[in-house]
């Protein structure tokens, strides 16, 4: 059974957009194409009331590698959102800490050069130890430039290559017990639409009751609604950083291929509910959504209680739970 599972994973890897677009990702990761035309500092920075979120934002921008910078300039207000989540995770870890030697662990799934993980490790002063994986080895250049190895590590392979056995051996043995937090950084869509296969691979990496975050670009049952949200993203956000010609180049070269792995929100939620008892929608911007999932309701509720307000214009939010109290979507007990 394991042989068949591993064979299927290898086939998915070789046929995935992650590998078919490898040359484009290399160009982005080395900063040779699609470089934002202006600094990434949020135009909303002065309106963010939480000083810790501002500090996290500044850390993230200052040490972002080329591919992550492209990502921040392409996904409306994900910069502000990652800062909000990172501060809440730091506060959650501080609240749950039971002794001075305790550390928490955070795994970024195929997360570019580890910019967000490194920012979390720095903001928490090492309270949260982080691991980033990426099959694009050019991302390790930026990671190595900025990372503190005592707090953050990088594994230059797809998340499908990360297993409990791997975590039990050097140099990743500090994560042998699994992760307190896991964050999928819009990675699944670059492989296949089989969210069950992907979730069944990452969940064993999570400690019992841990928090798993899933950021994804989702399809829409109405193709015209999907295009309307895309137009808002391109015309009212991405034009801050890219020319119309650059935006069109990416659409032609990459987005159609990337869309092959996207799923509708209800499909994603149903898959999450098959693997986790509790799923909450945290954030939405145009066609992007972010969920948190866990088998421990108290853990999610404690996190949400520490989570500050969303920092983005309301016009970019299309899902009702985005800017209000999160809506619980509880799965049947398995």
Protein backbone atom coordinates (compact mmCIF):
# COMPACT_ATOMS: atom_id res chain seq x y z
CA UNK A 1 0.00 0.00 0.00
CA UNK A 2 2.85 2.38 0.89
CA UNK A 3 4.54 1.52 -2.42
CA UNK A 4 1.38 2.42 -4.35
CA UNK A 5 0.97 5.61 -2.33
CA UNK A 6 4.57 6.67 -2.95
CA UNK A 7 4.30 5.80 -6.63
CA UNK A 8 1.21 7.99 -6.97
CA UNK A 9 2.94 10.84 -5.16
CA UNK A 10 5.92 10.61 -7.50
CA UNK A 11 3.65 10.63 -10.54
CA UNK A 12 1.80 13.69 -9.22
CA UNK A 13 5.11 15.44 -8.62
CA UNK A 14 6.39 14.84 -12.12
CA UNK A 15 3.12 15.91 -13.76
CA UNK A 16 2.52 18.94 -11.55
CA UNK A 17 2.63 22.63 -12.41
CA UNK A 18 5.29 22.94 -9.70
CA UNK A 19 7.66 21.08 -12.01
CA UNK A 20 6.28 22.12 -15.39
CA UNK A 21 6.73 25.75 -14.36
CA UNK A 22 10.10 25.17 -12.70
CA UNK A 23 11.95 27.45 -15.12
CA UNK A 24 9.52 30.31 -14.47
CA UNK A 25 9.78 29.82 -10.70
CA UNK A 26 13.56 29.84 -10.97
CA UNK A 27 13.43 33.18 -12.80
CA UNK A 28 11.13 34.62 -10.15
CA UNK A 29 13.24 33.26 -7.29
CA UNK A 30 16.42 34.76 -8.69
CA UNK A 31 14.78 38.12 -9.35
CA UNK A 32 15.38 38.04 -13.10
CA UNK A 33 11.70 38.53 -14.03
CA UNK A 34 8.50 40.00 -12.58
CA UNK A 35 10.21 42.13 -9.95
CA UNK A 36 7.83 44.57 -8.18
CA UNK A 37 8.43 48.11 -9.39
CA UNK A 38 8.14 49.73 -5.97
CA UNK A 39 8.79 48.90 -2.30
CA UNK A 40 6.31 46.45 -0.80
CA UNK A 41 5.53 48.49 2.31
CA UNK A 42 1.74 48.40 2.69
CA UNK A 43 -0.14 51.53 1.72
CA UNK A 44 -2.29 50.72 4.78
CA UNK A 45 0.67 50.60 7.17
CA UNK A 46 -0.20 53.86 8.91
CA UNK A 47 -3.74 52.67 9.58
CA UNK A 48 -2.71 49.46 11.39
CA UNK A 49 -3.34 50.11 15.08
CA UNK A 50 -1.45 47.12 16.52
CA UNK A 51 2.23 48.06 16.87
CA UNK A 52 3.23 44.38 16.87
CA UNK A 53 1.52 43.83 13.51
CA UNK A 54 3.37 46.83 12.11
CA UNK A 55 6.68 45.46 13.45
CA UNK A 56 5.98 42.04 11.93
CA UNK A 57 5.06 43.71 8.63
CA UNK A 58 8.36 45.61 8.65
CA UNK A 59 10.34 42.44 9.40
CA UNK A 60 8.60 40.58 6.59
CA UNK A 61 9.21 43.28 4.01
CA UNK A 62 12.83 43.91 5.00
CA UNK A 63 13.95 40.30 4.50
CA UNK A 64 11.64 39.04 1.75
CA UNK A 65 13.37 37.15 -1.04
CA UNK A 66 12.58 37.81 -4.73
CA UNK A 67 9.90 35.14 -5.19
CA UNK A 68 8.17 35.98 -1.93
CA UNK A 69 8.25 39.66 -2.85
CA UNK A 70 6.54 38.76 -6.11
CA UNK A 71 3.96 36.79 -4.13
CA UNK A 72 3.25 39.71 -1.79
CA UNK A 73 2.81 42.01 -4.79
CA UNK A 74 0.44 39.54 -6.48
CA UNK A 75 -1.99 38.55 -3.70
CA UNK A 76 -3.98 41.53 -2.44
CA UNK A 77 -3.29 42.26 1.24
CA UNK A 78 -1.66 38.93 2.04
CA UNK A 79 1.22 40.92 3.56
CA UNK A 80 -1.08 42.47 6.13
CA UNK A 81 -2.76 39.12 6.73
CA UNK A 82 0.45 37.18 7.34
CA UNK A 83 1.54 39.86 9.80
CA UNK A 84 -1.81 39.52 11.62
CA UNK A 85 -1.50 35.73 11.79
CA UNK A 86 2.16 35.82 12.83
CA UNK A 87 1.50 38.14 15.75
CA UNK A 88 -1.42 36.00 16.92
CA UNK A 89 0.71 32.83 16.74
CA UNK A 90 3.43 34.52 18.77
CA UNK A 91 0.90 35.57 21.41
CA UNK A 92 -0.69 32.12 21.40
CA UNK A 93 2.69 30.48 21.94
CA UNK A 94 3.47 32.87 24.78
CA UNK A 95 0.12 32.09 26.40
CA UNK A 96 0.51 28.31 26.08
CA UNK A 97 4.11 28.16 27.19
CA UNK A 98 4.54 26.10 30.35
CA UNK A 99 8.27 26.59 30.98
CA UNK A 100 11.23 28.73 29.91
CA UNK A 101 12.76 26.00 27.75
CA UNK A 102 9.61 25.21 25.78
CA UNK A 103 9.61 25.98 22.07
CA UNK A 104 6.87 25.72 19.45
CA UNK A 105 7.26 24.57 15.86
CA UNK A 106 5.92 25.91 12.56
CA UNK A 107 6.09 24.22 9.14
CA UNK A 108 5.61 26.23 5.95
CA UNK A 109 4.46 24.03 3.06
CA UNK A 110 6.35 24.90 -0.16
CA UNK A 111 6.74 28.47 1.11
CA UNK A 112 9.23 30.08 -1.26
CA UNK A 113 12.34 31.30 0.61
CA UNK A 114 10.82 31.06 4.07
CA UNK A 115 10.25 34.80 4.48
CA UNK A 116 7.18 34.36 6.66
CA UNK A 117 8.67 31.58 8.76
CA UNK A 118 11.82 33.61 9.32
CA UNK A 119 9.74 36.63 10.29
CA UNK A 120 7.76 34.53 12.78
CA UNK A 121 10.92 33.10 14.32
CA UNK A 122 12.42 36.58 14.63
CA UNK A 123 9.25 38.22 15.95
CA UNK A 124 8.83 35.51 18.60
CA UNK A 125 12.55 35.75 19.52
CA UNK A 126 12.97 32.06 18.77
CA UNK A 127 9.97 30.91 20.78
CA UNK A 128 8.65 29.51 17.48
CA UNK A 129 11.13 27.38 15.53
CA UNK A 130 10.38 27.13 11.81
CA UNK A 131 10.94 24.80 8.88
CA UNK A 132 10.35 25.82 5.27
CA UNK A 133 10.41 23.47 2.31
CA UNK A 134 10.53 24.34 -1.39
CA UNK A 135 11.39 22.28 -4.48
CA UNK A 136 12.82 25.45 -6.07
CA UNK A 137 16.40 25.41 -4.83
CA UNK A 138 17.00 29.01 -5.87
CA UNK A 139 14.83 29.95 -2.88
CA UNK A 140 17.55 28.72 -0.54
CA UNK A 141 19.80 31.61 -1.59
CA UNK A 142 17.51 34.19 0.02
CA UNK A 143 16.80 31.88 2.94
CA UNK A 144 20.48 31.42 3.75
CA UNK A 145 21.12 35.14 3.43
CA UNK A 146 18.65 36.08 6.15
CA UNK A 147 17.94 33.00 8.30
CA UNK A 148 19.16 32.36 11.82
CA UNK A 149 19.90 28.60 11.72
CA UNK A 150 19.22 28.18 15.42
CA UNK A 151 15.63 29.28 14.76
CA UNK A 152 14.83 28.41 11.13
CA UNK A 153 15.72 25.58 8.74
CA UNK A 154 15.16 25.01 5.01
CA UNK A 155 14.54 21.71 3.20
CA UNK A 156 15.04 21.99 -0.59
CA UNK A 157 12.33 19.55 -1.67
CA UNK A 158 8.58 19.38 -2.22
CA UNK A 159 6.42 18.97 0.87
CA UNK A 160 5.62 15.49 -0.44
CA UNK A 161 9.19 14.57 0.49
CA UNK A 162 8.69 15.67 4.11
CA UNK A 163 7.67 12.74 6.30
CA UNK A 164 7.68 11.84 10.00
CA UNK A 165 10.72 9.64 9.30
CA UNK A 166 12.60 12.56 7.76
CA UNK A 167 11.77 14.75 10.76
CA UNK A 168 13.22 12.10 13.05
CA UNK A 169 16.69 12.35 11.55
CA UNK A 170 19.36 15.09 11.46
CA UNK A 171 19.38 17.92 10.63
CA UNK A 172 15.60 18.15 11.19
CA UNK A 173 15.46 16.14 14.41
CA UNK A 174 14.36 19.18 16.43
CA UNK A 175 10.98 18.67 14.71
CA UNK A 176 10.81 14.93 15.46
CA UNK A 177 7.62 15.31 17.52
CA UNK A 178 5.84 17.10 14.69
CA UNK A 179 4.61 20.67 14.38
CA UNK A 180 2.40 22.82 16.55
CA UNK A 181 1.48 24.93 13.52
CA UNK A 182 1.41 24.22 9.79
CA UNK A 183 0.81 26.77 7.03
CA UNK A 184 0.11 25.84 3.42
CA UNK A 185 1.20 28.84 1.39
CA UNK A 186 -0.98 28.36 -1.73
CA UNK A 187 1.02 25.22 -2.52
CA UNK A 188 -1.54 22.48 -3.13
CA UNK A 189 -2.85 24.14 -6.30
CA UNK A 190 0.52 23.64 -7.99
CA UNK A 191 0.17 19.87 -7.81
CA UNK A 192 -3.30 18.41 -8.37
CA UNK A 193 -6.90 18.95 -7.28
CA UNK A 194 -6.69 15.95 -4.96
CA UNK A 195 -6.91 17.75 -1.64
CA UNK A 196 -7.55 14.51 0.23
CA UNK A 197 -4.22 13.08 -0.90
CA UNK A 198 -2.42 16.29 0.02
CA UNK A 199 -4.11 16.62 3.41
CA UNK A 200 -3.49 12.97 4.23
CA UNK A 201 0.21 13.64 3.66
CA UNK A 202 0.56 16.78 5.78
CA UNK A 203 -1.73 15.99 8.71
CA UNK A 204 0.57 13.32 10.20
CA UNK A 205 3.24 16.04 10.40
CA UNK A 206 1.03 18.00 12.82
CA UNK A 207 0.97 17.37 16.56
CA UNK A 208 -2.38 16.21 17.97
CA UNK A 209 -4.63 19.25 18.29
CA UNK A 210 -2.20 21.45 16.34
CA UNK A 211 -3.34 24.31 14.12
CA UNK A 212 -3.18 23.97 10.35
CA UNK A 213 -3.63 26.99 8.09
CA UNK A 214 -4.55 26.73 4.43
CA UNK A 215 -4.16 29.67 2.08
CA UNK A 216 -5.51 28.88 -1.38
CA UNK A 217 -6.68 30.50 -4.54
CA UNK A 218 -10.07 28.96 -5.22
CA UNK A 219 -12.23 28.54 -8.29
CA UNK A 220 -15.82 29.77 -8.42
CA UNK A 221 -18.92 27.96 -9.63
CA UNK A 222 -19.67 31.04 -11.73
CA UNK A 223 -16.74 31.64 -14.13
CA UNK A 224 -17.78 35.26 -14.61
CA UNK A 225 -17.62 35.90 -10.86
CA UNK A 226 -14.14 34.39 -10.78
CA UNK A 227 -13.06 36.72 -13.60
CA UNK A 228 -14.62 39.72 -11.85
CA UNK A 229 -12.56 39.06 -8.75
CA UNK A 230 -9.45 38.51 -10.88
CA UNK A 231 -10.01 41.85 -12.59
CA UNK A 232 -10.22 43.59 -9.22
CA UNK A 233 -6.97 41.95 -8.13
CA UNK A 234 -5.17 42.88 -11.34
CA UNK A 235 -6.53 46.38 -11.86
CA UNK A 236 -6.87 47.69 -8.30
CA UNK A 237 -3.90 45.99 -6.64
CA UNK A 238 -1.29 44.43 -8.90
CA UNK A 239 -0.96 47.59 -11.00
CA UNK A 240 0.73 49.11 -7.95
CA UNK A 241 3.69 46.84 -8.64
CA UNK A 242 3.52 45.54 -12.22
CA UNK A 243 2.82 46.92 -15.68
CA UNK A 244 -0.18 45.75 -17.68
CA UNK A 245 2.22 43.87 -19.95
CA UNK A 246 3.79 42.03 -17.00
CA UNK A 247 0.37 41.09 -15.62
CA UNK A 248 -0.68 39.74 -19.02
CA UNK A 249 2.62 37.84 -19.40
CA UNK A 250 2.01 36.03 -16.12
CA UNK A 251 -1.55 35.21 -17.08
CA UNK A 252 -0.43 33.66 -20.37
CA UNK A 253 2.67 31.91 -19.06
CA UNK A 254 1.58 30.68 -15.65
CA UNK A 255 -1.94 31.33 -14.39
CA UNK A 256 -3.76 29.00 -16.78
CA UNK A 257 -1.41 26.18 -15.77
CA UNK A 258 -1.80 27.04 -12.08
CA UNK A 259 -5.60 27.04 -12.36
CA UNK A 260 -5.53 23.34 -13.26
CA UNK A 261 -4.90 22.52 -9.60
CA UNK A 262 -7.40 24.91 -8.06
CA UNK A 263 -10.71 23.77 -6.56
CA UNK A 264 -13.90 25.56 -5.56
CA UNK A 265 -14.27 26.64 -1.95
CA UNK A 266 -16.92 24.05 -1.12
CA UNK A 267 -14.63 21.29 -2.39
CA UNK A 268 -11.76 22.58 -0.27
CA UNK A 269 -13.94 22.94 2.84
CA UNK A 270 -15.37 19.44 2.39
CA UNK A 271 -11.86 17.99 2.16
CA UNK A 272 -10.73 19.91 5.24
CA UNK A 273 -13.76 18.65 7.15
CA UNK A 274 -12.89 15.06 6.27
CA UNK A 275 -9.49 15.49 7.91
CA UNK A 276 -10.19 17.94 10.76
CA UNK A 277 -13.05 18.25 13.24
CA UNK A 278 -13.16 22.04 13.08
CA UNK A 279 -12.59 24.43 10.18
CA UNK A 280 -12.87 28.23 10.30
CA UNK A 281 -12.64 30.77 7.51
CA UNK A 282 -10.24 33.50 8.64
CA UNK A 283 -9.73 35.72 5.63
CA UNK A 284 -10.68 36.29 2.01
CA UNK A 285 -9.34 38.60 -0.68
CA UNK A 286 -10.63 38.37 -4.28
CA UNK A 287 -10.22 34.66 -5.17
CA UNK A 288 -7.95 33.86 -2.22
CA UNK A 289 -9.17 32.33 1.04
CA UNK A 290 -7.45 31.37 4.28
CA UNK A 291 -8.72 28.71 6.70
CA UNK A 292 -7.55 27.39 10.04
CA UNK A 293 -8.33 23.80 10.97
CA UNK A 294 -7.76 21.61 14.03
CA UNK A 295 -9.15 18.68 15.96
CA UNK A 296 -9.11 20.79 19.12
CA UNK A 297 -11.79 23.48 19.28
CA UNK A 298 -10.33 25.21 22.34
CA UNK A 299 -7.03 25.67 20.52
CA UNK A 300 -8.70 27.39 17.58
CA UNK A 301 -10.86 29.57 19.83
CA UNK A 302 -7.86 30.66 21.88
CA UNK A 303 -6.05 31.59 18.66
CA UNK A 304 -9.04 33.53 17.32
CA UNK A 305 -9.38 35.41 20.61
CA UNK A 306 -5.82 36.66 20.09
CA UNK A 307 -6.35 37.51 16.43
CA UNK A 308 -6.65 41.18 15.63
CA UNK A 309 -8.84 42.74 12.92
CA UNK A 310 -8.32 42.22 9.20
CA UNK A 311 -6.37 45.03 7.55
CA UNK A 312 -7.66 45.46 4.01
CA UNK A 313 -10.32 47.41 2.10
CA UNK A 314 -13.75 45.82 2.38
CA UNK A 315 -14.14 45.87 -1.40
CA UNK A 316 -11.63 42.99 -1.68
CA UNK A 317 -13.63 40.71 0.63
CA UNK A 318 -16.30 38.55 -1.02
CA UNK A 319 -16.98 35.91 1.63
CA UNK A 320 -19.30 36.84 4.50
CA UNK A 321 -17.05 35.63 7.33
CA UNK A 322 -14.04 37.60 6.13
CA UNK A 323 -14.35 40.70 8.25
CA UNK A 324 -16.71 39.50 10.96
CA UNK A 325 -16.75 36.77 13.57
CA UNK A 326 -15.48 33.54 12.06
CA UNK A 327 -18.05 30.95 11.07
CA UNK A 328 -17.50 27.49 12.49
CA UNK A 329 -17.77 24.59 10.09
CA UNK A 330 -17.66 21.50 12.23
CA UNK A 331 -16.96 18.13 10.69
CA UNK A 332 -18.64 14.96 11.91
CA UNK A 333 -16.58 13.10 14.49
CA UNK A 334 -14.56 10.49 12.66
